Every structure is written in C-alpha cells, then in structure tokens.
Amino acid sequence: MIRHATFFLLFCLLFVCFNAALWIYSAKHQQTLAGDGLVPEIVGTLGLTDLCLATDARYIRHLSVSDPLSPYMNHPGALEHFPSSALYVPR
C-alpha cells in the first residue's frame, strides 16, 4: 500500500513534469508565432483595439474605448467590486 507522503511526492513530481512540458511547448510556440508574423495578421483580421489584460467588465477590458462614467452606470453610489479595477487609474 502506498503511503500518503509517497502519493503526494508522486503527485508533485507529475505536476512539475507537466509544467515543464507546458513551458517548453509555450517557448517553442512563441518562436513560431514571432517568426511567421502571425500576430499582426491576427490583430488586423479580428480588429483588436488594444491588449485585453482583464476579463472582468467591458470598461476594464477595453480601456481605450470606455468613457469615465462606465463603472457607475449601474448605480452612482455603487462600490467597485472587480478586483482588477484597483490596478487602473480613472481618467
């Protein structure tokens, strides 16, 4: 019978190997995207305006096209409840 510590060690080893495989795959895939010039083509095809850093609300996803009153559309006295909103300074 396998002890709990042995099971945990095997799980951690499997997790580290999986992360290493993902890291190697990601590094190889980034070189492929950069070498082919696909990123500008994808941006042009999809019509992306800016980088999407958060997925909380539309006024956080697209900072370049949102107005300063967008966070208060629900209620003027409402508190901001999205965690990523603390990272952006209001305009």
PDB file of N, CA and C in Angstrom:
ATOM      1  N   MET A   1       0.839  -1.181   0.000  1.00  0.00           N
ATOM      2  CA  MET A   1       0.000   0.000   0.000  1.00  0.00           C
ATOM      3  C   MET A   1       0.887   1.248   0.000  1.00  0.00           C
ATOM      4  N   ILE A   2       0.479   2.245  -0.754  1.00  0.00           N
ATOM      5  CA  ILE A   2       1.253   3.480  -0.871  1.00  0.00           C
ATOM      6  C   ILE A   2       0.930   4.409   0.296  1.00  0.00           C
ATOM      7  N   ARG A   3       1.995   4.933   0.912  1.00  0.00           N
ATOM      8  CA  ARG A   3       1.793   5.890   1.994  1.00  0.00           C
ATOM      9  C   ARG A   3       1.322   7.215   1.418  1.00  0.00           C
ATOM     10  N   HIS A   4       0.716   8.031   2.231  1.00  0.00           N
ATOM     11  CA  HIS A   4       0.208   9.329   1.786  1.00  0.00           C
ATOM     12  C   HIS A   4       1.339  10.240   1.319  1.00  0.00           C
ATOM     13  N   ALA A   5       2.480  10.195   1.995  1.00  0.00           N
ATOM     14  CA  ALA A   5       3.611  11.041   1.616  1.00  0.00           C
ATOM     15  C   ALA A   5       4.158  10.639   0.249  1.00  0.00           C
ATOM     16  N   THR A   6       4.195   9.346  -0.034  1.00  0.00           N
ATOM     17  CA  THR A   6       4.663   8.872  -1.336  1.00  0.00           C
ATOM     18  C   THR A   6       3.702   9.298  -2.435  1.00  0.00           C
ATOM     19  N   PHE A   7       2.419   9.183  -2.164  1.00  0.00           N
ATOM     20  CA  PHE A   7       1.420   9.616  -3.135  1.00  0.00           C
ATOM     21  C   PHE A   7       1.553  11.112  -3.415  1.00  0.00           C
ATOM     22  N   PHE A   8       1.757  11.903  -2.366  1.00  0.00           N
ATOM     23  CA  PHE A   8       1.910  13.346  -2.533  1.00  0.00           C
ATOM     24  C   PHE A   8       3.171  13.670  -3.327  1.00  0.00           C
ATOM     25  N   LEU A   9       4.261  12.979  -3.062  1.00  0.00           N
ATOM     26  CA  LEU A   9       5.507  13.196  -3.786  1.00  0.00           C
ATOM     27  C   LEU A   9       5.343  12.856  -5.263  1.00  0.00           C
ATOM     28  N   LEU A  10       4.679  11.763  -5.565  1.00  0.00           N
ATOM     29  CA  LEU A  10       4.425  11.397  -6.961  1.00  0.00           C
ATOM     30  C   LEU A  10       3.539  12.431  -7.651  1.00  0.00           C
ATOM     31  N   PHE A  11       2.550  12.927  -6.939  1.00  0.00           N
ATOM     32  CA  PHE A  11       1.681  13.959  -7.497  1.00  0.00           C
ATOM     33  C   PHE A  11       2.474  15.229  -7.806  1.00  0.00           C
ATOM     34  N   CYS A  12       3.332  15.644  -6.882  1.00  0.00           N
ATOM     35  CA  CYS A  12       4.153  16.848  -7.095  1.00  0.00           C
ATOM     36  C   CYS A  12       5.113  16.657  -8.263  1.00  0.00           C
ATOM     37  N   LEU A  13       5.711  15.482  -8.372  1.00  0.00           N
ATOM     38  CA  LEU A  13       6.621  15.194  -9.475  1.00  0.00           C
ATOM     39  C   LEU A  13       5.884  15.231 -10.813  1.00  0.00           C
ATOM     40  N   LEU A  14       4.710  14.660 -10.857  1.00  0.00           N
ATOM     41  CA  LEU A  14       3.898  14.698 -12.069  1.00  0.00           C
ATOM     42  C   LEU A  14       3.522  16.133 -12.425  1.00  0.00           C
ATOM     43  N   PHE A  15       3.183  16.923 -11.434  1.00  0.00           N
ATOM     44  CA  PHE A  15       2.828  18.327 -11.653  1.00  0.00           C
ATOM     45  C   PHE A  15       4.013  19.120 -12.201  1.00  0.00           C
ATOM     46  N   VAL A  16       5.201  18.904 -11.662  1.00  0.00           N
ATOM     47  CA  VAL A  16       6.401  19.601 -12.138  1.00  0.00           C
ATOM     48  C   VAL A  16       6.716  19.191 -13.574  1.00  0.00           C
ATOM     49  N   CYS A  17       6.607  17.917 -13.887  1.00  0.00           N
ATOM     50  CA  CYS A  17       6.855  17.449 -15.260  1.00  0.00           C
ATOM     51  C   CYS A  17       5.842  18.040 -16.233  1.00  0.00           C
ATOM     52  N   PHE A  18       4.596  18.108 -15.832  1.00  0.00           N
ATOM     53  CA  PHE A  18       3.560  18.686 -16.685  1.00  0.00           C
ATOM     54  C   PHE A  18       3.828  20.170 -16.930  1.00  0.00           C
ATOM     55  N   ASN A  19       4.214  20.904 -15.879  1.00  0.00           N
ATOM     56  CA  ASN A  19       4.537  22.321 -16.041  1.00  0.00           C
ATOM     57  C   ASN A  19       5.743  22.521 -16.943  1.00  0.00           C
ATOM     58  N   ALA A  20       6.752  21.675 -16.817  1.00  0.00           N
ATOM     59  CA  ALA A  20       7.932  21.783 -17.677  1.00  0.00           C
ATOM     60  C   ALA A  20       7.559  21.537 -19.134  1.00  0.00           C
ATOM     61  N   ALA A  21       6.704  20.553 -19.380  1.00  0.00           N
ATOM     62  CA  ALA A  21       6.269  20.280 -20.752  1.00  0.00           C
ATOM     63  C   ALA A  21       5.487  21.459 -21.323  1.00  0.00           C
ATOM     64  N   LEU A  22       4.615  22.057 -20.522  1.00  0.00           N
ATOM     65  CA  LEU A  22       3.873  23.231 -20.992  1.00  0.00           C
ATOM     66  C   LEU A  22       4.791  24.412 -21.255  1.00  0.00           C
ATOM     67  N   TRP A  23       5.802  24.609 -20.419  1.00  0.00           N
ATOM     68  CA  TRP A  23       6.737  25.713 -20.595  1.00  0.00           C
ATOM     69  C   TRP A  23       7.536  25.536 -21.880  1.00  0.00           C
ATOM     70  N   ILE A  24       8.003  24.325 -22.151  1.00  0.00           N
ATOM     71  CA  ILE A  24       8.758  24.050 -23.377  1.00  0.00           C
ATOM     72  C   ILE A  24       7.869  24.241 -24.595  1.00  0.00           C
ATOM     73  N   TYR A  25       6.648  23.747 -24.534  1.00  0.00           N
ATOM     74  CA  TYR A  25       5.715  23.919 -25.649  1.00  0.00           C
ATOM     75  C   TYR A  25       5.425  25.395 -25.897  1.00  0.00           C
ATOM     76  N   SER A  26       5.229  26.156 -24.827  1.00  0.00           N
ATOM     77  CA  SER A  26       4.938  27.578 -24.961  1.00  0.00           C
ATOM     78  C   SER A  26       6.113  28.326 -25.575  1.00  0.00           C
ATOM     79  N   ALA A  27       7.324  28.013 -25.142  1.00  0.00           N
ATOM     80  CA  ALA A  27       8.507  28.681 -25.694  1.00  0.00           C
ATOM     81  C   ALA A  27       8.651  28.386 -27.183  1.00  0.00           C
ATOM     82  N   LYS A  28       8.423  27.150 -27.574  1.00  0.00           N
ATOM     83  CA  LYS A  28       8.523  26.786 -28.988  1.00  0.00           C
ATOM     84  C   LYS A  28       7.410  27.451 -29.801  1.00  0.00           C
ATOM     85  N   HIS A  29       6.208  27.511 -29.236  1.00  0.00           N
ATOM     86  CA  HIS A  29       5.073  28.112 -29.936  1.00  0.00           C
ATOM     87  C   HIS A  29       5.258  29.621 -30.096  1.00  0.00           C
ATOM     88  N   GLN A  30       5.831  30.298 -29.103  1.00  0.00           N
ATOM     89  CA  GLN A  30       6.080  31.736 -29.204  1.00  0.00           C
ATOM     90  C   GLN A  30       7.085  32.031 -30.303  1.00  0.00           C
ATOM     91  N   GLN A  31       8.102  31.209 -30.455  1.00  0.00           N
ATOM     92  CA  GLN A  31       9.066  31.396 -31.533  1.00  0.00           C
ATOM     93  C   GLN A  31       8.395  31.223 -32.884  1.00  0.00           C
ATOM     94  N   THR A  32       7.483  30.283 -32.983  1.00  0.00           N
ATOM     95  CA  THR A  32       6.768  30.063 -34.238  1.00  0.00           C
ATOM     96  C   THR A  32       5.897  31.263 -34.584  1.00  0.00           C
ATOM     97  N   LEU A  33       5.157  31.793 -33.606  1.00  0.00           N
ATOM     98  CA  LEU A  33       4.307  32.955 -33.861  1.00  0.00           C
ATOM     99  C   LEU A  33       5.128  34.183 -34.229  1.00  0.00           C
ATOM    100  N   ALA A  34       6.241  34.402 -33.541  1.00  0.00           N
ATOM    101  CA  ALA A  34       7.061  35.579 -33.811  1.00  0.00           C
ATOM    102  C   ALA A  34       7.751  35.461 -35.167  1.00  0.00           C
ATOM    103  N   GLY A  35       8.170  34.270 -35.529  1.00  0.00           N
ATOM    104  CA  GLY A  35       8.874  34.077 -36.790  1.00  0.00           C
ATOM    105  C   GLY A  35       7.970  34.193 -38.002  1.00  0.00           C
ATOM    106  N   ASP A  36       6.731  33.785 -37.887  1.00  0.00           N
ATOM    107  CA  ASP A  36       5.815  33.808 -39.021  1.00  0.00           C
ATOM    108  C   ASP A  36       5.141  35.157 -39.214  1.00  0.00           C
ATOM    109  N   GLY A  37       5.167  36.015 -38.216  1.00  0.00           N
ATOM    110  CA  GLY A  37       4.475  37.296 -38.313  1.00  0.00           C
ATOM    111  C   GLY A  37       2.968  37.141 -38.250  1.00  0.00           C
ATOM    112  N   LEU A  38       2.494  36.140 -37.528  1.00  0.00           N
ATOM    113  CA  LEU A  38       1.059  35.887 -37.453  1.00  0.00           C
ATOM    114  C   LEU A  38       0.331  36.835 -36.510  1.00  0.00           C
ATOM    115  N   VAL A  39       1.030  37.358 -35.512  1.00  0.00           N
ATOM    116  CA  VAL A  39       0.362  38.204 -34.523  1.00  0.00           C
ATOM    117  C   VAL A  39      -0.227  39.463 -35.164  1.00  0.00           C
ATOM    118  N   PRO A  40       0.524  40.221 -35.984  1.00  0.00           N
ATOM    119  CA  PRO A  40      -0.103  41.388 -36.629  1.00  0.00           C
ATOM    120  C   PRO A  40      -1.264  41.008 -37.553  1.00  0.00           C
ATOM    121  N   GLU A  41      -1.151  39.858 -38.193  1.00  0.00           N
ATOM    122  CA  GLU A  41      -2.237  39.408 -39.069  1.00  0.00           C
ATOM    123  C   GLU A  41      -3.493  39.078 -38.264  1.00  0.00           C
ATOM    124  N   ILE A  42      -3.317  38.429 -37.124  1.00  0.00           N
ATOM    125  CA  ILE A  42      -4.455  38.094 -36.263  1.00  0.00           C
ATOM    126  C   ILE A  42      -5.101  39.361 -35.726  1.00  0.00           C
ATOM    127  N   VAL A  43      -4.274  40.324 -35.291  1.00  0.00           N
ATOM    128  CA  VAL A  43      -4.796  41.587 -34.770  1.00  0.00           C
ATOM    129  C   VAL A  43      -5.576  42.325 -35.849  1.00  0.00           C
ATOM    130  N   GLY A  44      -5.060  42.348 -37.068  1.00  0.00           N
ATOM    131  CA  GLY A  44      -5.755  43.025 -38.160  1.00  0.00           C
ATOM    132  C   GLY A  44      -7.038  42.329 -38.572  1.00  0.00           C
ATOM    133  N   THR A  45      -7.022  41.012 -38.603  1.00  0.00           N
ATOM    134  CA  THR A  45      -8.201  40.255 -39.003  1.00  0.00           C
ATOM    135  C   THR A  45      -9.332  40.387 -37.990  1.00  0.00           C
ATOM    136  N   LEU A  46      -8.992  40.300 -36.710  1.00  0.00           N
ATOM    137  CA  LEU A  46     -10.015  40.383 -35.673  1.00  0.00           C
ATOM    138  C   LEU A  46     -10.399  41.814 -35.333  1.00  0.00           C
ATOM    139  N   GLY A  47      -9.615  42.785 -35.779  1.00  0.00           N
ATOM    140  CA  GLY A  47      -9.922  44.185 -35.486  1.00  0.00           C
ATOM    141  C   GLY A  47      -9.748  44.534 -34.027  1.00  0.00           C
ATOM    142  N   LEU A  48      -8.714  44.004 -33.397  1.00  0.00           N
ATOM    143  CA  LEU A  48      -8.479  44.263 -31.984  1.00  0.00           C
ATOM    144  C   LEU A  48      -7.996  45.693 -31.779  1.00  0.00           C
ATOM    145  N   THR A  49      -8.489  46.351 -30.734  1.00  0.00           N
ATOM    146  CA  THR A  49      -8.102  47.736 -30.483  1.00  0.00           C
ATOM    147  C   THR A  49      -6.923  47.841 -29.545  1.00  0.00           C
ATOM    148  N   ASP A  50      -6.901  47.058 -28.498  1.00  0.00           N
ATOM    149  CA  ASP A  50      -5.817  47.117 -27.530  1.00  0.00           C
ATOM    150  C   ASP A  50      -5.703  45.777 -26.813  1.00  0.00           C
ATOM    151  N   LEU A  51      -4.716  45.684 -25.978  1.00  0.00           N
ATOM    152  CA  LEU A  51      -4.460  44.450 -25.249  1.00  0.00           C
ATOM    153  C   LEU A  51      -5.502  44.246 -24.155  1.00  0.00           C
ATOM    154  N   CYS A  52      -6.043  43.054 -24.077  1.00  0.00           N
ATOM    155  CA  CYS A  52      -7.018  42.722 -23.039  1.00  0.00           C
ATOM    156  C   CYS A  52      -6.285  42.066 -21.876  1.00  0.00           C
ATOM    157  N   LEU A  53      -6.187  42.790 -20.755  1.00  0.00           N
ATOM    158  CA  LEU A  53      -5.464  42.282 -19.597  1.00  0.00           C
ATOM    159  C   LEU A  53      -6.375  41.661 -18.555  1.00  0.00           C
ATOM    160  N   ALA A  54      -7.641  42.013 -18.576  1.00  0.00           N
ATOM    161  CA  ALA A  54      -8.580  41.502 -17.586  1.00  0.00           C
ATOM    162  C   ALA A  54      -9.887  41.157 -18.289  1.00  0.00           C
ATOM    163  N   THR A  55     -10.646  40.262 -17.679  1.00  0.00           N
ATOM    164  CA  THR A  55     -11.909  39.845 -18.283  1.00  0.00           C
ATOM    165  C   THR A  55     -13.102  40.196 -17.412  1.00  0.00           C
ATOM    166  N   ASP A  56     -12.933  41.132 -16.494  1.00  0.00           N
ATOM    167  CA  ASP A  56     -13.998  41.426 -15.539  1.00  0.00           C
ATOM    168  C   ASP A  56     -15.179  42.146 -16.178  1.00  0.00           C
ATOM    169  N   ALA A  57     -14.983  43.359 -16.601  1.00  0.00           N
ATOM    170  CA  ALA A  57     -16.071  44.172 -17.131  1.00  0.00           C
ATOM    171  C   ALA A  57     -15.609  44.837 -18.419  1.00  0.00           C
ATOM    172  N   ARG A  58     -16.555  45.303 -19.213  1.00  0.00           N
ATOM    173  CA  ARG A  58     -16.181  45.866 -20.512  1.00  0.00           C
ATOM    174  C   ARG A  58     -15.352  47.124 -20.384  1.00  0.00           C
ATOM    175  N   TYR A  59     -15.537  47.904 -19.329  1.00  0.00           N
ATOM    176  CA  TYR A  59     -14.747  49.123 -19.184  1.00  0.00           C
ATOM    177  C   TYR A  59     -13.347  48.832 -18.656  1.00  0.00           C
ATOM    178  N   ILE A  60     -13.089  47.627 -18.209  1.00  0.00           N
ATOM    179  CA  ILE A  60     -11.734  47.221 -17.833  1.00  0.00           C
ATOM    180  C   ILE A  60     -11.070  46.495 -18.999  1.00  0.00           C
ATOM    181  N   ARG A  61     -11.841  45.732 -19.762  1.00  0.00           N
ATOM    182  CA  ARG A  61     -11.266  45.003 -20.897  1.00  0.00           C
ATOM    183  C   ARG A  61     -10.754  45.949 -21.961  1.00  0.00           C
ATOM    184  N   HIS A  62     -11.500  46.977 -22.274  1.00  0.00           N
ATOM    185  CA  HIS A  62     -11.152  47.879 -23.369  1.00  0.00           C
ATOM    186  C   HIS A  62     -11.039  49.298 -22.835  1.00  0.00           C
ATOM    187  N   LEU A  63      -9.863  49.626 -22.307  1.00  0.00           N
ATOM    188  CA  LEU A  63      -9.660  50.933 -21.690  1.00  0.00           C
ATOM    189  C   LEU A  63      -9.686  52.065 -22.709  1.00  0.00           C
ATOM    190  N   SER A  64      -9.288  51.787 -23.949  1.00  0.00           N
ATOM    191  CA  SER A  64      -9.201  52.866 -24.931  1.00  0.00           C
ATOM    192  C   SER A  64     -10.568  53.291 -25.462  1.00  0.00           C
ATOM    193  N   VAL A  65     -11.589  52.475 -25.307  1.00  0.00           N
ATOM    194  CA  VAL A  65     -12.901  52.825 -25.855  1.00  0.00           C
ATOM    195  C   VAL A  65     -13.975  53.012 -24.790  1.00  0.00           C
ATOM    196  N   SER A  66     -13.582  53.079 -23.528  1.00  0.00           N
ATOM    197  CA  SER A  66     -14.588  53.260 -22.482  1.00  0.00           C
ATOM    198  C   SER A  66     -14.579  54.696 -21.983  1.00  0.00           C
ATOM    199  N   ASP A  67     -15.729  55.154 -21.554  1.00  0.00           N
ATOM    200  CA  ASP A  67     -15.827  56.510 -21.018  1.00  0.00           C
ATOM    201  C   ASP A  67     -15.631  56.469 -19.504  1.00  0.00           C
ATOM    202  N   PRO A  68     -15.310  57.613 -18.865  1.00  0.00           N
ATOM    203  CA  PRO A  68     -15.012  57.599 -17.435  1.00  0.00           C
ATOM    204  C   PRO A  68     -16.211  57.280 -16.546  1.00  0.00           C
ATOM    205  N   LEU A  69     -17.426  57.388 -17.046  1.00  0.00           N
ATOM    206  CA  LEU A  69     -18.604  57.124 -16.222  1.00  0.00           C
ATOM    207  C   LEU A  69     -19.121  55.690 -16.351  1.00  0.00           C
ATOM    208  N   SER A  70     -18.475  54.877 -17.150  1.00  0.00           N
ATOM    209  CA  SER A  70     -18.928  53.493 -17.342  1.00  0.00           C
ATOM    210  C   SER A  70     -19.015  52.684 -16.061  1.00  0.00           C
ATOM    211  N   PRO A  71     -18.062  52.806 -15.126  1.00  0.00           N
ATOM    212  CA  PRO A  71     -18.190  52.000 -13.905  1.00  0.00           C
ATOM    213  C   PRO A  71     -19.410  52.351 -13.069  1.00  0.00           C
ATOM    214  N   TYR A  72     -19.970  53.542 -13.262  1.00  0.00           N
ATOM    215  CA  TYR A  72     -21.085  53.997 -12.422  1.00  0.00           C
ATOM    216  C   TYR A  72     -22.436  53.885 -13.127  1.00  0.00           C
ATOM    217  N   MET A  73     -22.505  53.125 -14.221  1.00  0.00           N
ATOM    218  CA  MET A  73     -23.759  53.019 -14.968  1.00  0.00           C
ATOM    219  C   MET A  73     -24.824  52.266 -14.183  1.00  0.00           C
ATOM    220  N   ASN A  74     -24.434  51.319 -13.359  1.00  0.00           N
ATOM    221  CA  ASN A  74     -25.416  50.551 -12.598  1.00  0.00           C
ATOM    222  C   ASN A  74     -26.058  51.400 -11.512  1.00  0.00           C
ATOM    223  N   HIS A  75     -25.235  52.126 -10.776  1.00  0.00           N
ATOM    224  CA  HIS A  75     -25.733  52.974  -9.701  1.00  0.00           C
ATOM    225  C   HIS A  75     -24.631  53.966  -9.341  1.00  0.00           C
ATOM    226  N   PRO A  76     -24.940  55.253  -9.205  1.00  0.00           N
ATOM    227  CA  PRO A  76     -23.881  56.236  -8.940  1.00  0.00           C
ATOM    228  C   PRO A  76     -23.132  56.000  -7.631  1.00  0.00           C
ATOM    229  N   GLY A  77     -23.771  55.415  -6.654  1.00  0.00           N
ATOM    230  CA  GLY A  77     -23.113  55.184  -5.373  1.00  0.00           C
ATOM    231  C   GLY A  77     -22.583  53.777  -5.209  1.00  0.00           C
ATOM    232  N   ALA A  78     -22.611  53.003  -6.272  1.00  0.00           N
ATOM    233  CA  ALA A  78     -22.182  51.607  -6.177  1.00  0.00           C
ATOM    234  C   ALA A  78     -20.674  51.514  -5.987  1.00  0.00           C
ATOM    235  N   LEU A  79     -20.257  50.591  -5.152  1.00  0.00           N
ATOM    236  CA  LEU A  79     -18.837  50.347  -4.954  1.00  0.00           C
ATOM    237  C   LEU A  79     -18.309  49.474  -6.081  1.00  0.00           C
ATOM    238  N   GLU A  80     -17.067  49.702  -6.432  1.00  0.00           N
ATOM    239  CA  GLU A  80     -16.437  48.887  -7.465  1.00  0.00           C
ATOM    240  C   GLU A  80     -16.134  47.507  -6.884  1.00  0.00           C
ATOM    241  N   HIS A  81     -16.580  46.458  -7.543  1.00  0.00           N
ATOM    242  CA  HIS A  81     -16.421  45.115  -6.999  1.00  0.00           C
ATOM    243  C   HIS A  81     -15.523  44.217  -7.835  1.00  0.00           C
ATOM    244  N   PHE A  82     -14.924  44.744  -8.896  1.00  0.00           N
ATOM    245  CA  PHE A  82     -13.997  43.943  -9.690  1.00  0.00           C
ATOM    246  C   PHE A  82     -12.582  44.137  -9.162  1.00  0.00           C
ATOM    247  N   PRO A  83     -11.851  43.074  -8.872  1.00  0.00           N
ATOM    248  CA  PRO A  83     -10.511  43.226  -8.307  1.00  0.00           C
ATOM    249  C   PRO A  83      -9.532  43.913  -9.250  1.00  0.00           C
ATOM    250  N   SER A  84      -9.668  43.702 -10.551  1.00  0.00           N
ATOM    251  CA  SER A  84      -8.711  44.307 -11.477  1.00  0.00           C
ATOM    252  C   SER A  84      -8.920  45.806 -11.628  1.00  0.00           C
ATOM    253  N   SER A  85     -10.035  46.336 -11.179  1.00  0.00           N
ATOM    254  CA  SER A  85     -10.274  47.778 -11.264  1.00  0.00           C
ATOM    255  C   SER A  85      -9.334  48.556 -10.355  1.00  0.00           C
ATOM    256  N   ALA A  86      -8.790  47.918  -9.351  1.00  0.00           N
ATOM    257  CA  ALA A  86      -7.856  48.594  -8.452  1.00  0.00           C
ATOM    258  C   ALA A  86      -6.514  48.854  -9.124  1.00  0.00           C
ATOM    259  N   LEU A  87      -6.255  48.207 -10.243  1.00  0.00           N
ATOM    260  CA  LEU A  87      -4.977  48.371 -10.921  1.00  0.00           C
ATOM    261  C   LEU A  87      -4.974  49.527 -11.903  1.00  0.00           C
ATOM    262  N   TYR A  88      -6.123  50.077 -12.240  1.00  0.00           N
ATOM    263  CA  TYR A  88      -6.216  51.126 -13.246  1.00  0.00           C
ATOM    264  C   TYR A  88      -6.638  52.437 -12.602  1.00  0.00           C
ATOM    265  N   VAL A  89      -5.986  53.515 -13.017  1.00  0.00           N
ATOM    266  CA  VAL A  89      -6.303  54.846 -12.505  1.00  0.00           C
ATOM    267  C   VAL A  89      -7.421  55.431 -13.363  1.00  0.00           C
ATOM    268  N   PRO A  90      -8.459  56.013 -12.758  1.00  0.00           N
ATOM    269  CA  PRO A  90      -9.517  56.618 -13.564  1.00  0.00           C
ATOM    270  C   PRO A  90      -8.988  57.816 -14.345  1.00  0.00           C
ATOM    271  N   ARG A  91      -9.573  58.030 -15.518  1.00  0.00           N
ATOM    272  CA  ARG A  91      -9.148  59.171 -16.341  1.00  0.00           C
ATOM    273  C   ARG A  91      -9.877  60.412 -15.948  1.00  0.00           C
TER     274      ARG A  91
END
